[in-house]
């Protein structure tokens, strides 16, 4: 998996509407020799405590699945050294 040639790239996402008080996430890709370091940060808060209790764990699992899917697609596109 490789970052673009400029050695550093990022993707920033902000939720404009939905079940969250706020949702921000950021992907940072940084070239490190022949590899790429990928950092993913997410910050979110549901609008209601009830929704937080019901959906919190499922949302964490969804985030993990999103990262795994990203890694898989990057491997398909750019190859993997693993």
C-alpha atoms as a PDB file:
ATOM      1  CA  UNK A   1       0.000   0.000   0.000  1.00  0.00           C
ATOM      2  CA  UNK A   2       1.514   3.349  -0.963  1.00  0.00           C
ATOM      3  CA  UNK A   3       0.698   7.001  -0.362  1.00  0.00           C
ATOM      4  CA  UNK A   4       0.546   9.321  -3.346  1.00  0.00           C
ATOM      5  CA  UNK A   5       3.854  10.614  -4.660  1.00  0.00           C
ATOM      6  CA  UNK A   6       3.659  13.845  -2.651  1.00  0.00           C
ATOM      7  CA  UNK A   7       4.464  11.715   0.470  1.00  0.00           C
ATOM      8  CA  UNK A   8       1.461  12.895   2.485  1.00  0.00           C
ATOM      9  CA  UNK A   9      -2.270  12.979   1.798  1.00  0.00           C
ATOM     10  CA  UNK A  10      -5.393  13.256   3.917  1.00  0.00           C
ATOM     11  CA  UNK A  11      -9.146  12.861   3.701  1.00  0.00           C
ATOM     12  CA  UNK A  12     -11.382  14.768   6.132  1.00  0.00           C
ATOM     13  CA  UNK A  13     -15.064  13.961   6.639  1.00  0.00           C
ATOM     14  CA  UNK A  14     -17.694  15.869   8.587  1.00  0.00           C
ATOM     15  CA  UNK A  15     -21.286  14.718   9.036  1.00  0.00           C
ATOM     16  CA  UNK A  16     -23.757  17.446   8.165  1.00  0.00           C
ATOM     17  CA  UNK A  17     -26.925  15.731   9.349  1.00  0.00           C
ATOM     18  CA  UNK A  18     -28.038  12.477  10.861  1.00  0.00           C
ATOM     19  CA  UNK A  19     -28.216  10.772  14.249  1.00  0.00           C
ATOM     20  CA  UNK A  20     -25.014  12.412  15.542  1.00  0.00           C
ATOM     21  CA  UNK A  21     -24.415  15.601  17.477  1.00  0.00           C
ATOM     22  CA  UNK A  22     -21.124  15.545  15.626  1.00  0.00           C
ATOM     23  CA  UNK A  23     -19.095  13.125  13.533  1.00  0.00           C
ATOM     24  CA  UNK A  24     -15.656  13.904  12.191  1.00  0.00           C
ATOM     25  CA  UNK A  25     -13.134  11.516  10.747  1.00  0.00           C
ATOM     26  CA  UNK A  26      -9.744  11.922   9.202  1.00  0.00           C
ATOM     27  CA  UNK A  27      -7.537   9.605   7.182  1.00  0.00           C
ATOM     28  CA  UNK A  28      -3.856  10.538   6.910  1.00  0.00           C
ATOM     29  CA  UNK A  29      -1.525   8.694   4.550  1.00  0.00           C
ATOM     30  CA  UNK A  30       2.190   9.286   4.861  1.00  0.00           C
ATOM     31  CA  UNK A  31       4.885   7.633   2.792  1.00  0.00           C
ATOM     32  CA  UNK A  32       7.504   5.797   4.847  1.00  0.00           C
ATOM     33  CA  UNK A  33      10.123   4.405   2.477  1.00  0.00           C
ATOM     34  CA  UNK A  34       8.459   1.685   0.420  1.00  0.00           C
ATOM     35  CA  UNK A  35       5.438   1.596   2.729  1.00  0.00           C
ATOM     36  CA  UNK A  36       2.628   3.894   3.764  1.00  0.00           C
ATOM     37  CA  UNK A  37       1.555   4.713   7.289  1.00  0.00           C
ATOM     38  CA  UNK A  38      -2.198   5.177   7.537  1.00  0.00           C
ATOM     39  CA  UNK A  39      -3.712   6.934  10.513  1.00  0.00           C
ATOM     40  CA  UNK A  40      -7.480   6.978  11.028  1.00  0.00           C
ATOM     41  CA  UNK A  41      -9.138   9.188  13.634  1.00  0.00           C
ATOM     42  CA  UNK A  42     -12.816   9.435  14.387  1.00  0.00           C
ATOM     43  CA  UNK A  43     -14.730  11.552  16.860  1.00  0.00           C
ATOM     44  CA  UNK A  44     -18.480  11.226  17.256  1.00  0.00           C
ATOM     45  CA  UNK A  45     -21.306  11.743  19.676  1.00  0.00           C
ATOM     46  CA  UNK A  46     -24.871  10.560  19.220  1.00  0.00           C
ATOM     47  CA  UNK A  47     -27.690  13.078  19.655  1.00  0.00           C
ATOM     48  CA  UNK A  48     -29.361  11.084  22.438  1.00  0.00           C
ATOM     49  CA  UNK A  49     -28.053   9.025  25.357  1.00  0.00           C
ATOM     50  CA  UNK A  50     -30.534   6.264  24.480  1.00  0.00           C
ATOM     51  CA  UNK A  51     -29.200   6.061  20.938  1.00  0.00           C
ATOM     52  CA  UNK A  52     -25.644   6.120  22.297  1.00  0.00           C
ATOM     53  CA  UNK A  53     -26.393   3.130  24.532  1.00  0.00           C
ATOM     54  CA  UNK A  54     -28.152   1.209  21.769  1.00  0.00           C
ATOM     55  CA  UNK A  55     -25.790   1.963  18.905  1.00  0.00           C
ATOM     56  CA  UNK A  56     -22.417   2.717  20.504  1.00  0.00           C
ATOM     57  CA  UNK A  57     -20.938  -0.785  20.292  1.00  0.00           C
ATOM     58  CA  UNK A  58     -22.385  -1.439  16.846  1.00  0.00           C
ATOM     59  CA  UNK A  59     -20.909   1.823  15.592  1.00  0.00           C
ATOM     60  CA  UNK A  60     -17.454   0.852  16.884  1.00  0.00           C
ATOM     61  CA  UNK A  61     -17.737  -2.440  14.991  1.00  0.00           C
ATOM     62  CA  UNK A  62     -18.807  -0.534  11.864  1.00  0.00           C
ATOM     63  CA  UNK A  63     -15.704   1.678  12.162  1.00  0.00           C
ATOM     64  CA  UNK A  64     -13.489  -1.396  12.436  1.00  0.00           C
ATOM     65  CA  UNK A  65     -15.159  -2.874   9.356  1.00  0.00           C
ATOM     66  CA  UNK A  66     -14.655   0.399   7.466  1.00  0.00           C
ATOM     67  CA  UNK A  67     -10.918   0.372   8.231  1.00  0.00           C
ATOM     68  CA  UNK A  68     -10.625  -3.293   7.225  1.00  0.00           C
ATOM     69  CA  UNK A  69     -12.472  -2.597   3.952  1.00  0.00           C
ATOM     70  CA  UNK A  70     -10.197   0.367   3.265  1.00  0.00           C
ATOM     71  CA  UNK A  71      -7.098  -1.770   3.808  1.00  0.00           C
ATOM     72  CA  UNK A  72      -8.450  -4.546   1.583  1.00  0.00           C
ATOM     73  CA  UNK A  73      -9.258  -2.139  -1.261  1.00  0.00           C
ATOM     74  CA  UNK A  74      -5.882  -0.430  -0.963  1.00  0.00           C
ATOM     75  CA  UNK A  75      -4.198  -3.838  -1.207  1.00  0.00           C
ATOM     76  CA  UNK A  76      -6.255  -4.612  -4.329  1.00  0.00           C
ATOM     77  CA  UNK A  77      -5.286  -1.317  -5.940  1.00  0.00           C
ATOM     78  CA  UNK A  78      -1.696  -0.925  -4.810  1.00  0.00           C
ATOM     79  CA  UNK A  79      -0.559  -4.318  -3.577  1.00  0.00           C
ATOM     80  CA  UNK A  80       0.662  -5.373  -0.185  1.00  0.00           C
ATOM     81  CA  UNK A  81       4.025  -6.398   1.175  1.00  0.00           C
ATOM     82  CA  UNK A  82       2.383  -8.704   3.746  1.00  0.00           C
END
